Amino acid sequence: MSDSVNTPEPPHQHQHQHTPGVSIRHTRAKGEPRFPDGPKADPAGSHFERRIRSFQPRRSRVTAGQADALQRLWPKWGLDIDGGHTLDLPELFGNDNPVVLEIGFGMGEATAQMAAADPGTNILAVDVHTPGQGNLLNLADRNGLPNIRVGNGDAIILLREMLTPDSLDGLRVYFPDPWPKKRHHKRRLIQPDFLTLAATRIKPGGLVHCATDWEPYAEQMLEVLTAHPDFENTQADGGFAPRPDFRPLTRFEGQGLDKGHVVNDLLFRRVQHVDQPPAGA
């Protein structure tokens, strides 16, 4: 806050003078956009049909460091999922490297670790959690990870409206909301219709990798993926997969394991149908 109540600073100057750890919502002027150069609150607006969502936007506390990353790096590495145009992924990343879509990345620590371990793979990481978006941008900047792009909005709109067929080399869904109550199971992301859509965007041979510590959801994922004609289990026994080395063990997951939680990984491959031309043909 300014020392003088009679000479307040202009909003754009006031906004950048944050105390570390203090949410920016306490310092921005009334009516001022939360992130003028950052992610939009509702990028797709009301342009698409209303339907049951698998997520709930969480506009929670944002630290000064996260806010700075959102303002400074969003124009460079951020993407608002508005559904209004088709993405050119080589243009988005600046190269022709394989692209993996990650839906739901939390605070982004695992995403950053995977990007650092595999710089030849681009990661399009999508979430609606504003602090996580800022944190991942900060990690990408601090660790020199140009193979990360952060998407803000609905992954269904991204897949359906903005990505072209066979444009993805893989899909990662780690620890999605399990929606444990039975009446909410319809909100779970991994459903037949979602997999049918995803299959149109993933190249034959591309991997779908899911992980969850909610065992009933793991069983449902296994059942739905096994039954889907566009995917096949990479495990000969038709069951869950060991955690692959490329998926880091996060602090959150480690805490769960310490409490006796069971984490299940599922690794399914996109099937090349006999009557389907090879990708790029």
Protein backbone atom coordinates (compact mmCIF):
# COMPACT_ATOMS: atom_id res chain seq x y z
CA MET A 1 0.00 0.00 0.00
CA SER A 2 1.13 3.59 -0.63
CA ASP A 3 2.30 5.57 2.38
CA SER A 4 0.12 8.47 1.31
CA VAL A 5 -3.63 8.09 1.05
CA ASN A 6 -3.79 11.38 -0.84
CA THR A 7 -1.49 10.35 -3.71
CA PRO A 8 -2.40 6.81 -4.71
CA GLU A 9 -0.30 5.16 -7.37
CA PRO A 10 -1.78 4.35 -10.79
CA PRO A 11 -3.21 0.82 -10.88
CA HIS A 12 -0.55 -0.55 -13.27
CA GLN A 13 2.25 0.60 -10.96
CA HIS A 14 0.49 -0.46 -7.81
CA GLN A 15 -0.07 -3.95 -9.17
CA HIS A 16 3.62 -4.85 -9.44
CA GLN A 17 4.55 -3.87 -5.88
CA HIS A 18 3.69 -7.12 -4.13
CA THR A 19 4.89 -8.38 -0.81
CA PRO A 20 6.21 -11.96 -1.24
CA GLY A 21 3.59 -14.51 -0.29
CA VAL A 22 0.73 -12.02 -0.42
CA SER A 23 -2.10 -12.70 -2.84
CA ILE A 24 -2.32 -10.16 -5.64
CA ARG A 25 -6.05 -9.88 -5.12
CA HIS A 26 -5.26 -7.72 -2.08
CA THR A 27 -3.26 -5.19 -4.12
CA ARG A 28 -5.06 -4.80 -7.47
CA ALA A 29 -7.52 -1.98 -7.95
CA LYS A 30 -11.22 -2.68 -7.94
CA GLY A 31 -12.43 -3.75 -11.37
CA GLU A 32 -8.90 -4.23 -12.71
CA PRO A 33 -8.32 -7.53 -14.59
CA ARG A 34 -6.55 -9.99 -12.38
CA PHE A 35 -3.86 -10.70 -14.99
CA PRO A 36 -4.04 -8.04 -17.74
CA ASP A 37 -1.39 -9.85 -19.80
CA GLY A 38 -2.06 -13.32 -18.41
CA PRO A 39 -4.65 -16.12 -18.61
CA LYS A 40 -8.30 -15.19 -19.07
CA ALA A 41 -10.84 -16.21 -16.47
CA ASP A 42 -13.08 -17.92 -19.06
CA PRO A 43 -11.31 -18.08 -22.43
CA ALA A 44 -14.02 -19.96 -24.34
CA GLY A 45 -16.83 -17.90 -22.84
CA SER A 46 -20.32 -19.07 -23.79
CA HIS A 47 -19.42 -20.00 -27.38
CA PHE A 48 -19.81 -23.73 -26.75
CA GLU A 49 -22.54 -25.94 -25.41
CA ARG A 50 -23.17 -26.38 -21.74
CA ARG A 51 -22.25 -29.85 -20.56
CA ILE A 52 -21.10 -31.71 -17.49
CA ARG A 53 -17.55 -30.70 -16.67
CA SER A 54 -14.84 -32.92 -15.26
CA PHE A 55 -13.21 -29.95 -13.54
CA GLN A 56 -14.00 -26.88 -11.47
CA PRO A 57 -11.96 -23.69 -12.03
CA ARG A 58 -10.05 -22.74 -8.89
CA ARG A 59 -9.01 -19.09 -8.72
CA SER A 60 -7.27 -19.42 -5.37
CA ARG A 61 -4.42 -17.60 -3.68
CA VAL A 62 -1.62 -16.57 -6.04
CA THR A 63 1.82 -15.68 -4.68
CA ALA A 64 3.79 -12.72 -5.93
CA GLY A 65 6.20 -15.03 -7.76
CA GLN A 66 3.37 -16.86 -9.51
CA ALA A 67 1.69 -13.58 -10.43
CA ASP A 68 4.92 -12.23 -11.86
CA ALA A 69 5.38 -15.38 -13.96
CA LEU A 70 1.81 -15.16 -15.28
CA GLN A 71 2.23 -11.52 -16.27
CA ARG A 72 5.72 -11.88 -17.69
CA LEU A 73 5.63 -15.31 -19.35
CA TRP A 74 2.02 -15.88 -20.41
CA PRO A 75 2.41 -13.97 -23.70
CA LYS A 76 5.43 -16.19 -24.47
CA TRP A 77 4.45 -19.64 -23.21
CA GLY A 78 0.75 -19.41 -22.32
CA LEU A 79 -2.29 -20.41 -24.34
CA ASP A 80 -5.92 -19.50 -23.67
CA ILE A 81 -8.17 -22.31 -24.91
CA ASP A 82 -10.84 -20.26 -26.64
CA GLY A 83 -11.85 -22.77 -29.31
CA GLY A 84 -11.67 -20.06 -31.93
CA HIS A 85 -8.72 -21.24 -34.01
CA THR A 86 -6.73 -24.33 -34.96
CA LEU A 87 -3.32 -24.67 -33.38
CA ASP A 88 -0.18 -25.13 -35.40
CA LEU A 89 1.86 -27.10 -32.87
CA PRO A 90 5.23 -26.72 -34.63
CA GLU A 91 4.62 -22.97 -34.66
CA LEU A 92 3.51 -23.00 -31.02
CA PHE A 93 6.68 -24.76 -29.87
CA GLY A 94 9.05 -23.52 -32.54
CA ASN A 95 10.06 -27.02 -33.66
CA ASP A 96 8.72 -30.31 -35.06
CA ASN A 97 9.36 -32.40 -31.95
CA PRO A 98 6.70 -34.84 -30.69
CA VAL A 99 3.95 -33.26 -28.60
CA VAL A 100 2.34 -34.84 -25.54
CA LEU A 101 -0.80 -33.37 -24.01
CA GLU A 102 -0.98 -33.38 -20.22
CA ILE A 103 -4.40 -32.72 -18.72
CA GLY A 104 -4.30 -31.50 -15.13
CA PHE A 105 -0.80 -30.78 -13.83
CA GLY A 106 -1.43 -29.45 -10.33
CA MET A 107 1.48 -27.23 -9.34
CA GLY A 108 3.57 -28.44 -12.27
CA GLU A 109 6.54 -30.01 -10.47
CA ALA A 110 6.20 -33.38 -12.23
CA THR A 111 5.63 -31.67 -15.59
CA ALA A 112 8.81 -29.66 -15.19
CA GLN A 113 10.80 -32.76 -14.23
CA MET A 114 9.53 -34.68 -17.27
CA ALA A 115 10.31 -31.75 -19.57
CA ALA A 116 13.84 -31.51 -18.19
CA ALA A 117 14.43 -35.27 -18.53
CA ASP A 118 13.16 -35.38 -22.13
CA PRO A 119 13.95 -32.07 -23.88
CA GLY A 120 13.14 -33.64 -27.26
CA THR A 121 9.47 -33.97 -26.35
CA ASN A 122 7.16 -30.95 -26.16
CA ILE A 123 4.57 -30.89 -23.38
CA LEU A 124 1.30 -29.02 -23.79
CA ALA A 125 0.13 -28.88 -20.17
CA VAL A 126 -3.48 -27.85 -19.54
CA ASP A 127 -5.11 -26.88 -16.27
CA VAL A 128 -7.53 -24.33 -14.83
CA HIS A 129 -5.70 -23.79 -11.53
CA THR A 130 -4.22 -20.31 -11.68
CA PRO A 131 -1.51 -20.76 -9.00
CA GLY A 132 -0.39 -23.95 -10.73
CA GLN A 133 -0.21 -22.18 -14.08
CA GLY A 134 2.01 -19.50 -12.57
CA ASN A 135 4.15 -22.03 -10.74
CA LEU A 136 4.76 -24.12 -13.86
CA LEU A 137 5.67 -21.05 -15.90
CA ASN A 138 8.07 -20.07 -13.14
CA LEU A 139 9.65 -23.54 -13.11
CA ALA A 140 9.97 -23.57 -16.91
CA ASP A 141 11.67 -20.17 -16.88
CA ARG A 142 13.94 -20.86 -13.94
CA ASN A 143 15.08 -24.26 -15.24
CA GLY A 144 15.34 -23.30 -18.91
CA LEU A 145 12.57 -25.55 -20.24
CA PRO A 146 11.42 -24.19 -23.62
CA ASN A 147 9.53 -27.44 -24.36
CA ILE A 148 6.60 -26.51 -22.08
CA ARG A 149 3.49 -24.59 -23.06
CA VAL A 150 0.75 -23.92 -20.50
CA GLY A 151 -2.87 -24.11 -21.62
CA ASN A 152 -5.69 -22.45 -19.70
CA GLY A 153 -9.20 -23.79 -20.11
CA ASP A 154 -11.23 -26.83 -21.09
CA ALA A 155 -9.18 -29.71 -22.55
CA ILE A 156 -12.27 -31.02 -24.37
CA ILE A 157 -12.52 -27.77 -26.34
CA LEU A 158 -8.79 -27.95 -27.03
CA LEU A 159 -9.05 -31.50 -28.38
CA ARG A 160 -12.22 -30.99 -30.37
CA GLU A 161 -11.85 -27.48 -31.72
CA MET A 162 -8.15 -26.62 -31.75
CA LEU A 163 -6.10 -29.75 -32.47
CA THR A 164 -5.87 -31.53 -35.81
CA PRO A 165 -6.11 -35.31 -36.34
CA ASP A 166 -3.02 -37.31 -35.37
CA SER A 167 -1.30 -34.19 -34.00
CA LEU A 168 -0.43 -35.66 -30.59
CA ASP A 169 2.14 -38.31 -29.73
CA GLY A 170 0.63 -39.05 -26.36
CA LEU A 171 -1.78 -38.11 -23.59
CA ARG A 172 -1.07 -37.95 -19.86
CA VAL A 173 -3.73 -37.75 -17.17
CA TYR A 174 -2.16 -37.95 -13.73
CA PHE A 175 -4.27 -37.97 -10.57
CA PRO A 176 -7.46 -36.49 -12.03
CA ASP A 177 -10.32 -35.58 -9.73
CA PRO A 178 -11.83 -38.96 -8.80
CA TRP A 179 -15.29 -37.52 -8.11
CA PRO A 180 -15.78 -40.23 -5.47
CA LYS A 181 -19.51 -39.83 -4.89
CA LYS A 182 -21.53 -42.11 -7.13
CA ARG A 183 -23.79 -39.30 -8.33
CA HIS A 184 -20.67 -37.49 -9.56
CA HIS A 185 -19.11 -40.39 -11.49
CA LYS A 186 -20.47 -38.88 -14.70
CA ARG A 187 -18.00 -36.01 -14.16
CA ARG A 188 -14.96 -38.28 -14.37
CA LEU A 189 -12.76 -37.47 -17.34
CA ILE A 190 -11.91 -40.99 -18.51
CA GLN A 191 -15.14 -42.00 -20.23
CA PRO A 192 -15.83 -43.69 -23.61
CA ASP A 193 -16.78 -40.44 -25.37
CA PHE A 194 -13.63 -38.70 -24.17
CA LEU A 195 -11.44 -41.58 -25.36
CA THR A 196 -13.15 -41.56 -28.76
CA LEU A 197 -12.34 -37.87 -29.13
CA ALA A 198 -8.78 -38.30 -27.87
CA ALA A 199 -8.20 -41.18 -30.29
CA THR A 200 -8.81 -38.87 -33.24
CA ARG A 201 -5.99 -36.58 -32.09
CA ILE A 202 -3.40 -39.15 -30.98
CA LYS A 203 -1.20 -40.76 -33.60
CA PRO A 204 -1.42 -44.56 -33.93
CA GLY A 205 1.15 -45.98 -31.54
CA GLY A 206 0.86 -42.99 -29.21
CA LEU A 207 0.55 -43.70 -25.50
CA VAL A 208 -2.28 -42.80 -23.15
CA HIS A 209 -0.88 -42.81 -19.63
CA CYS A 210 -3.18 -42.42 -16.64
CA ALA A 211 -2.36 -42.63 -12.95
CA THR A 212 -4.58 -42.42 -9.89
CA ASP A 213 -4.48 -43.22 -6.19
CA TRP A 214 -8.24 -43.73 -6.07
CA GLU A 215 -8.64 -47.46 -6.60
CA PRO A 216 -12.31 -47.49 -7.69
CA TYR A 217 -11.48 -44.91 -10.38
CA ALA A 218 -8.45 -46.97 -11.43
CA GLU A 219 -10.70 -49.97 -11.94
CA GLN A 220 -13.14 -47.89 -13.99
CA MET A 221 -10.28 -46.49 -16.11
CA LEU A 222 -9.01 -50.00 -16.78
CA GLU A 223 -12.47 -51.21 -17.73
CA VAL A 224 -13.22 -48.28 -20.05
CA LEU A 225 -9.81 -48.29 -21.75
CA THR A 226 -9.84 -52.06 -22.20
CA ALA A 227 -13.26 -51.95 -23.83
CA HIS A 228 -12.39 -49.13 -26.22
CA PRO A 229 -11.57 -50.33 -29.76
CA ASP A 230 -9.00 -47.57 -30.38
CA PHE A 231 -6.68 -48.54 -27.53
CA GLU A 232 -4.80 -51.63 -26.39
CA ASN A 233 -3.14 -52.35 -23.08
CA THR A 234 0.65 -52.41 -23.15
CA GLN A 235 0.59 -55.00 -20.37
CA ALA A 236 0.39 -58.60 -21.54
CA ASP A 237 -1.73 -59.56 -18.54
CA GLY A 238 -4.27 -56.83 -19.32
CA GLY A 239 -3.78 -55.16 -15.95
CA PHE A 240 -2.11 -52.13 -14.44
CA ALA A 241 1.42 -51.09 -15.38
CA PRO A 242 4.40 -50.46 -13.11
CA ARG A 243 5.14 -46.76 -12.72
CA PRO A 244 7.35 -45.92 -15.72
CA ASP A 245 10.62 -44.16 -15.04
CA PHE A 246 9.50 -41.08 -16.97
CA ARG A 247 6.68 -40.33 -14.51
CA PRO A 248 8.32 -38.72 -11.47
CA LEU A 249 7.31 -39.64 -7.96
CA THR A 250 5.86 -36.39 -6.68
CA ARG A 251 5.83 -35.20 -3.09
CA PHE A 252 2.03 -35.48 -3.04
CA GLU A 253 2.21 -39.06 -4.28
CA GLY A 254 4.95 -39.94 -1.79
CA GLN A 255 2.81 -38.66 1.07
CA GLY A 256 -0.04 -40.83 -0.13
CA LEU A 257 2.17 -43.89 -0.37
CA ASP A 258 3.37 -43.25 3.18
CA LYS A 259 -0.28 -43.36 4.25
CA GLY A 260 -0.82 -46.69 2.52
CA HIS A 261 -2.46 -45.40 -0.67
CA VAL A 262 -2.13 -47.59 -3.74
CA VAL A 263 -1.19 -45.80 -6.96
CA ASN A 264 -2.14 -47.48 -10.22
CA ASP A 265 -0.67 -46.60 -13.63
CA LEU A 266 -2.38 -47.46 -16.90
CA LEU A 267 -0.45 -47.47 -20.18
CA PHE A 268 -2.51 -47.97 -23.32
CA ARG A 269 -1.42 -47.63 -26.93
CA ARG A 270 -3.42 -46.03 -29.73
CA VAL A 271 -4.32 -48.79 -32.17
CA GLN A 272 -3.53 -48.62 -35.89
CA HIS A 273 -6.62 -50.05 -37.57
CA VAL A 274 -6.17 -52.10 -40.73
CA ASP A 275 -8.32 -49.76 -42.84
CA GLN A 276 -6.70 -46.62 -41.36
CA PRO A 277 -3.88 -44.93 -43.33
CA PRO A 278 -0.63 -44.36 -41.41
CA ALA A 279 -0.23 -40.97 -39.72
CA GLY A 280 0.99 -38.36 -42.18
CA ALA A 281 -0.03 -40.41 -45.23
